[in-house]
Amino acid sequence: QVQLVESGGGLVQPGGSLRLSCAASGSIFTIYAMGWYRQAPGKQRDLVASITSGGSTNYADSVKGRFTISRDNAKNTVHLQMNSLKPEDTAVYYCNLDAYGLHTRRDYWGQGTQVTVSS
């Protein structure tokens, strides 16, 4: 079993900041990448940012320059620092883990954390 525990969502005013964290635990043998996706009501789930075990990062164009993803390999934890938040950043944010677990390589997902940007 693999568990992803997310924290850090909430309500923030436009221009504000939030920091999301996700800790992975359980039967994980190799982590290839960790990242964050988001899904707004009525829309598909899209990549926000990801980071590989080697430290390579990838960002959605809409968050470049505002969001920063980082990772603590020793603790199997990924963070997403979100600055200059906009109302269009409002969504449920999901932690993603690309890893080799007990029997196979697959994607694992957190339960999601709500981020609301509103005045």
N, C-alpha and C. Protein backbone atom coordinates (compact mmCIF):
# COMPACT_ATOMS: atom_id res chain seq x y z
N GLN A 1 0.83 -1.20 0.00
CA GLN A 1 0.00 0.00 0.00
C GLN A 1 0.86 1.25 0.00
N VAL A 2 0.42 2.22 -0.76
CA VAL A 2 1.09 3.52 -0.83
C VAL A 2 0.10 4.59 -0.41
N GLN A 3 0.54 5.47 0.46
CA GLN A 3 -0.32 6.56 0.93
C GLN A 3 0.32 7.90 0.59
N LEU A 4 -0.52 8.83 0.17
CA LEU A 4 -0.11 10.21 -0.07
C LEU A 4 -0.95 11.11 0.82
N VAL A 5 -0.30 11.87 1.65
CA VAL A 5 -1.01 12.76 2.57
C VAL A 5 -0.67 14.21 2.20
N GLU A 6 -1.70 14.95 1.83
CA GLU A 6 -1.55 16.34 1.39
C GLU A 6 -1.92 17.29 2.51
N SER A 7 -1.33 18.47 2.47
CA SER A 7 -1.68 19.52 3.42
C SER A 7 -1.39 20.88 2.81
N GLY A 8 -2.02 21.91 3.37
CA GLY A 8 -1.67 23.26 3.00
C GLY A 8 -2.67 24.03 2.16
N GLY A 9 -3.76 23.42 1.78
CA GLY A 9 -4.75 24.15 1.00
C GLY A 9 -5.52 25.13 1.87
N GLY A 10 -6.38 25.93 1.23
CA GLY A 10 -7.19 26.87 1.98
C GLY A 10 -7.68 28.02 1.14
N LEU A 11 -8.14 29.05 1.81
CA LEU A 11 -8.67 30.25 1.18
C LEU A 11 -7.64 31.37 1.27
N VAL A 12 -7.38 32.02 0.15
CA VAL A 12 -6.41 33.11 0.12
C VAL A 12 -6.91 34.19 -0.82
N GLN A 13 -6.52 35.42 -0.54
CA GLN A 13 -6.92 36.53 -1.41
C GLN A 13 -6.03 36.57 -2.65
N PRO A 14 -6.53 37.15 -3.73
CA PRO A 14 -5.69 37.31 -4.93
C PRO A 14 -4.38 38.03 -4.58
N GLY A 15 -3.30 37.51 -5.15
CA GLY A 15 -1.98 38.05 -4.85
C GLY A 15 -1.30 37.39 -3.68
N GLY A 16 -2.02 36.56 -2.95
CA GLY A 16 -1.47 35.90 -1.78
C GLY A 16 -0.68 34.65 -2.13
N SER A 17 -0.26 33.95 -1.08
CA SER A 17 0.58 32.76 -1.25
C SER A 17 0.04 31.61 -0.42
N LEU A 18 0.32 30.42 -0.91
CA LEU A 18 0.04 29.18 -0.18
C LEU A 18 1.17 28.20 -0.48
N ARG A 19 1.36 27.28 0.45
CA ARG A 19 2.36 26.22 0.25
C ARG A 19 1.69 24.88 0.48
N LEU A 20 1.70 24.05 -0.54
CA LEU A 20 1.15 22.71 -0.44
C LEU A 20 2.28 21.72 -0.18
N SER A 21 1.98 20.70 0.62
CA SER A 21 2.94 19.65 0.88
C SER A 21 2.27 18.29 0.70
N CYS A 22 3.08 17.32 0.31
CA CYS A 22 2.58 15.95 0.12
C CYS A 22 3.66 14.99 0.56
N ALA A 23 3.30 14.09 1.47
CA ALA A 23 4.23 13.09 1.96
C ALA A 23 3.79 11.71 1.51
N ALA A 24 4.71 10.96 0.92
CA ALA A 24 4.42 9.61 0.45
C ALA A 24 5.01 8.60 1.42
N SER A 25 4.25 7.53 1.64
CA SER A 25 4.73 6.47 2.52
C SER A 25 4.16 5.14 2.06
N GLY A 26 4.72 4.06 2.61
CA GLY A 26 4.24 2.73 2.26
C GLY A 26 5.25 1.96 1.44
N SER A 27 4.73 1.03 0.65
CA SER A 27 5.58 0.10 -0.12
C SER A 27 6.06 0.76 -1.41
N ILE A 28 7.03 1.64 -1.26
CA ILE A 28 7.60 2.35 -2.40
C ILE A 28 9.04 1.92 -2.58
N PHE A 29 9.36 1.43 -3.76
CA PHE A 29 10.71 0.96 -4.00
C PHE A 29 11.53 1.97 -4.80
N THR A 30 10.91 2.57 -5.78
CA THR A 30 11.60 3.57 -6.59
C THR A 30 10.62 4.68 -6.95
N ILE A 31 11.01 5.91 -6.67
CA ILE A 31 10.21 7.06 -7.07
C ILE A 31 10.83 7.67 -8.32
N TYR A 32 10.04 7.83 -9.35
CA TYR A 32 10.53 8.43 -10.59
C TYR A 32 10.23 9.92 -10.63
N ALA A 33 9.05 10.29 -10.16
CA ALA A 33 8.67 11.71 -10.15
C ALA A 33 7.53 11.93 -9.17
N MET A 34 7.44 13.17 -8.71
CA MET A 34 6.30 13.59 -7.91
C MET A 34 5.79 14.89 -8.49
N GLY A 35 4.52 15.17 -8.27
CA GLY A 35 3.99 16.39 -8.84
C GLY A 35 2.63 16.75 -8.32
N TRP A 36 2.10 17.83 -8.89
CA TRP A 36 0.79 18.33 -8.52
C TRP A 36 -0.05 18.54 -9.78
N TYR A 37 -1.29 18.12 -9.68
CA TYR A 37 -2.28 18.37 -10.70
C TYR A 37 -3.41 19.16 -10.05
N ARG A 38 -4.24 19.77 -10.87
CA ARG A 38 -5.41 20.46 -10.32
C ARG A 38 -6.61 20.27 -11.22
N GLN A 39 -7.77 20.35 -10.59
CA GLN A 39 -9.02 20.17 -11.32
C GLN A 39 -10.03 21.17 -10.81
N ALA A 40 -10.46 22.05 -11.70
CA ALA A 40 -11.51 23.02 -11.39
C ALA A 40 -12.86 22.41 -11.74
N PRO A 41 -13.95 22.90 -11.17
CA PRO A 41 -15.27 22.35 -11.45
C PRO A 41 -15.58 22.36 -12.95
N GLY A 42 -16.00 21.21 -13.46
CA GLY A 42 -16.36 21.11 -14.86
C GLY A 42 -15.20 21.01 -15.82
N LYS A 43 -13.99 20.91 -15.29
CA LYS A 43 -12.80 20.85 -16.15
C LYS A 43 -12.02 19.58 -15.89
N GLN A 44 -11.10 19.26 -16.79
CA GLN A 44 -10.29 18.07 -16.62
C GLN A 44 -9.15 18.34 -15.65
N ARG A 45 -8.56 17.27 -15.17
CA ARG A 45 -7.41 17.38 -14.28
C ARG A 45 -6.16 17.64 -15.11
N ASP A 46 -5.45 18.71 -14.78
CA ASP A 46 -4.28 19.12 -15.55
C ASP A 46 -3.04 19.19 -14.68
N LEU A 47 -1.91 18.97 -15.31
CA LEU A 47 -0.63 19.09 -14.63
C LEU A 47 -0.37 20.54 -14.24
N VAL A 48 0.08 20.73 -12.99
CA VAL A 48 0.53 22.04 -12.53
C VAL A 48 2.04 22.09 -12.56
N ALA A 49 2.67 21.12 -11.90
CA ALA A 49 4.13 21.05 -11.85
C ALA A 49 4.56 19.66 -11.46
N SER A 50 5.74 19.27 -11.92
CA SER A 50 6.28 17.98 -11.54
C SER A 50 7.79 18.10 -11.37
N ILE A 51 8.35 17.13 -10.64
CA ILE A 51 9.79 17.11 -10.41
C ILE A 51 10.25 15.66 -10.38
N THR A 52 11.31 15.37 -11.11
CA THR A 52 11.82 14.00 -11.17
C THR A 52 12.76 13.74 -9.99
N SER A 53 13.14 12.49 -9.86
CA SER A 53 14.07 12.13 -8.79
C SER A 53 15.42 12.82 -8.97
N GLY A 54 15.72 13.18 -10.20
CA GLY A 54 16.97 13.88 -10.48
C GLY A 54 16.87 15.38 -10.34
N GLY A 55 15.66 15.87 -10.07
CA GLY A 55 15.49 17.30 -9.85
C GLY A 55 15.01 18.10 -11.04
N SER A 56 14.74 17.44 -12.16
CA SER A 56 14.22 18.17 -13.32
C SER A 56 12.77 18.55 -13.07
N THR A 57 12.44 19.77 -13.42
CA THR A 57 11.09 20.27 -13.16
C THR A 57 10.35 20.59 -14.45
N ASN A 58 9.03 20.57 -14.35
CA ASN A 58 8.16 20.90 -15.46
C ASN A 58 6.97 21.66 -14.91
N TYR A 59 6.61 22.77 -15.56
CA TYR A 59 5.52 23.60 -15.08
C TYR A 59 4.51 23.86 -16.20
N ALA A 60 3.25 23.98 -15.81
CA ALA A 60 2.25 24.47 -16.74
C ALA A 60 2.58 25.92 -17.07
N ASP A 61 2.32 26.33 -18.29
CA ASP A 61 2.63 27.71 -18.69
C ASP A 61 1.93 28.72 -17.79
N SER A 62 0.74 28.40 -17.35
CA SER A 62 -0.06 29.34 -16.57
C SER A 62 0.51 29.63 -15.19
N VAL A 63 1.44 28.80 -14.71
CA VAL A 63 1.98 29.00 -13.36
C VAL A 63 3.47 29.32 -13.37
N LYS A 64 4.10 29.31 -14.53
CA LYS A 64 5.53 29.61 -14.60
C LYS A 64 5.82 30.99 -14.03
N GLY A 65 6.84 31.06 -13.19
CA GLY A 65 7.22 32.33 -12.58
C GLY A 65 6.46 32.63 -11.30
N ARG A 66 5.42 31.87 -11.03
CA ARG A 66 4.63 32.10 -9.80
C ARG A 66 4.70 30.93 -8.83
N PHE A 67 4.77 29.72 -9.37
CA PHE A 67 4.80 28.51 -8.54
C PHE A 67 6.19 27.88 -8.60
N THR A 68 6.58 27.28 -7.48
CA THR A 68 7.85 26.57 -7.42
C THR A 68 7.65 25.22 -6.75
N ILE A 69 8.09 24.18 -7.44
CA ILE A 69 8.00 22.83 -6.88
C ILE A 69 9.36 22.43 -6.34
N SER A 70 9.35 21.74 -5.21
CA SER A 70 10.59 21.25 -4.61
C SER A 70 10.33 19.89 -3.99
N ARG A 71 11.43 19.21 -3.69
CA ARG A 71 11.27 17.84 -3.23
C ARG A 71 12.35 17.51 -2.21
N ASP A 72 11.95 16.73 -1.20
CA ASP A 72 12.88 16.20 -0.21
C ASP A 72 12.93 14.70 -0.43
N ASN A 73 13.95 14.23 -1.12
CA ASN A 73 14.02 12.81 -1.47
C ASN A 73 14.12 11.93 -0.24
N ALA A 74 14.81 12.38 0.78
CA ALA A 74 14.98 11.57 1.98
C ALA A 74 13.66 11.33 2.70
N LYS A 75 12.74 12.29 2.56
CA LYS A 75 11.46 12.18 3.27
C LYS A 75 10.32 11.84 2.32
N ASN A 76 10.63 11.61 1.04
CA ASN A 76 9.58 11.31 0.05
C ASN A 76 8.47 12.36 0.09
N THR A 77 8.88 13.62 0.13
CA THR A 77 7.94 14.72 0.26
C THR A 77 8.13 15.71 -0.89
N VAL A 78 7.01 16.23 -1.37
CA VAL A 78 7.05 17.25 -2.41
C VAL A 78 6.26 18.46 -1.93
N HIS A 79 6.77 19.64 -2.29
CA HIS A 79 6.12 20.89 -1.90
C HIS A 79 5.82 21.72 -3.14
N LEU A 80 4.77 22.52 -3.03
CA LEU A 80 4.43 23.45 -4.10
C LEU A 80 4.23 24.82 -3.47
N GLN A 81 5.16 25.71 -3.70
CA GLN A 81 5.03 27.09 -3.23
C GLN A 81 4.30 27.88 -4.29
N MET A 82 3.16 28.44 -3.93
CA MET A 82 2.32 29.16 -4.87
C MET A 82 2.26 30.64 -4.46
N ASN A 83 2.79 31.49 -5.30
CA ASN A 83 2.80 32.94 -5.05
C ASN A 83 1.96 33.65 -6.11
N SER A 84 1.63 34.88 -5.81
CA SER A 84 0.84 35.70 -6.74
C SER A 84 -0.39 34.96 -7.24
N LEU A 85 -1.10 34.38 -6.32
CA LEU A 85 -2.25 33.55 -6.70
C LEU A 85 -3.35 34.38 -7.34
N LYS A 86 -4.02 33.74 -8.30
CA LYS A 86 -5.10 34.38 -9.05
C LYS A 86 -6.39 33.59 -8.86
N PRO A 87 -7.53 34.22 -9.05
CA PRO A 87 -8.80 33.48 -8.93
C PRO A 87 -8.85 32.24 -9.83
N GLU A 88 -8.21 32.31 -10.97
CA GLU A 88 -8.23 31.15 -11.87
C GLU A 88 -7.36 30.00 -11.38
N ASP A 89 -6.63 30.18 -10.30
CA ASP A 89 -5.89 29.08 -9.68
C ASP A 89 -6.79 28.25 -8.76
N THR A 90 -8.00 28.71 -8.55
CA THR A 90 -8.94 27.99 -7.69
C THR A 90 -9.23 26.62 -8.27
N ALA A 91 -9.02 25.59 -7.46
CA ALA A 91 -9.22 24.21 -7.90
C ALA A 91 -8.93 23.27 -6.74
N VAL A 92 -9.23 22.00 -6.96
CA VAL A 92 -8.74 20.96 -6.06
C VAL A 92 -7.38 20.52 -6.58
N TYR A 93 -6.39 20.54 -5.72
CA TYR A 93 -5.03 20.18 -6.09
C TYR A 93 -4.73 18.76 -5.60
N TYR A 94 -4.22 17.95 -6.52
CA TYR A 94 -3.94 16.55 -6.23
C TYR A 94 -2.45 16.28 -6.32
N CYS A 95 -1.94 15.61 -5.31
CA CYS A 95 -0.55 15.15 -5.34
C CYS A 95 -0.47 13.89 -6.20
N ASN A 96 0.58 13.79 -6.98
CA ASN A 96 0.81 12.63 -7.84
C ASN A 96 2.18 12.04 -7.59
N LEU A 97 2.21 10.71 -7.56
CA LEU A 97 3.47 9.99 -7.37
C LEU A 97 3.62 8.97 -8.49
N ASP A 98 4.71 9.06 -9.20
CA ASP A 98 5.05 8.08 -10.24
C ASP A 98 6.13 7.19 -9.64
N ALA A 99 5.74 5.96 -9.29
CA ALA A 99 6.68 5.13 -8.53
C ALA A 99 6.48 3.65 -8.82
N TYR A 100 7.54 2.88 -8.48
CA TYR A 100 7.45 1.42 -8.53
C TYR A 100 7.08 0.97 -7.13
N GLY A 101 5.89 0.39 -7.00
CA GLY A 101 5.42 -0.09 -5.71
C GLY A 101 5.69 -1.56 -5.54
N LEU A 102 4.70 -2.29 -5.07
CA LEU A 102 4.89 -3.71 -4.77
C LEU A 102 5.15 -4.56 -6.01
N HIS A 103 4.40 -4.28 -7.08
CA HIS A 103 4.46 -5.17 -8.23
C HIS A 103 4.70 -4.47 -9.56
N THR A 104 4.47 -3.18 -9.60
CA THR A 104 4.53 -2.50 -10.87
C THR A 104 4.76 -1.00 -10.70
N ARG A 105 5.14 -0.38 -11.78
CA ARG A 105 5.24 1.08 -11.81
C ARG A 105 3.88 1.63 -12.18
N ARG A 106 3.43 2.62 -11.39
CA ARG A 106 2.13 3.21 -11.66
C ARG A 106 2.04 4.58 -11.03
N ASP A 107 0.92 5.27 -11.33
CA ASP A 107 0.64 6.56 -10.71
C ASP A 107 -0.20 6.35 -9.44
N TYR A 108 0.16 7.10 -8.42
CA TYR A 108 -0.62 7.12 -7.20
C TYR A 108 -1.12 8.55 -6.99
N TRP A 109 -2.29 8.67 -6.34
CA TRP A 109 -2.92 9.99 -6.18
C TRP A 109 -3.29 10.24 -4.73
N GLY A 110 -3.13 11.51 -4.31
CA GLY A 110 -3.63 11.92 -3.02
C GLY A 110 -5.13 12.17 -3.07
N GLN A 111 -5.69 12.52 -1.93
CA GLN A 111 -7.14 12.70 -1.83
C GLN A 111 -7.59 14.07 -2.35
N GLY A 112 -6.64 14.98 -2.52
CA GLY A 112 -6.96 16.31 -3.01
C GLY A 112 -7.11 17.32 -1.89
N THR A 113 -6.68 18.54 -2.16
CA THR A 113 -6.82 19.63 -1.20
C THR A 113 -7.35 20.86 -1.94
N GLN A 114 -8.34 21.51 -1.36
CA GLN A 114 -8.99 22.64 -2.02
C GLN A 114 -8.15 23.90 -1.87
N VAL A 115 -7.95 24.59 -2.97
CA VAL A 115 -7.34 25.92 -2.97
C VAL A 115 -8.35 26.89 -3.56
N THR A 116 -8.71 27.90 -2.80
CA THR A 116 -9.66 28.90 -3.25
C THR A 116 -9.03 30.28 -3.18
N VAL A 117 -9.01 30.96 -4.31
CA VAL A 117 -8.44 32.30 -4.38
C VAL A 117 -9.59 33.27 -4.63
N SER A 118 -9.89 34.06 -3.62
CA SER A 118 -11.05 34.94 -3.72
C SER A 118 -10.92 36.08 -2.74
N SER A 119 -11.46 37.22 -3.11
CA SER A 119 -11.48 38.37 -2.20
C SER A 119 -12.78 38.41 -1.42
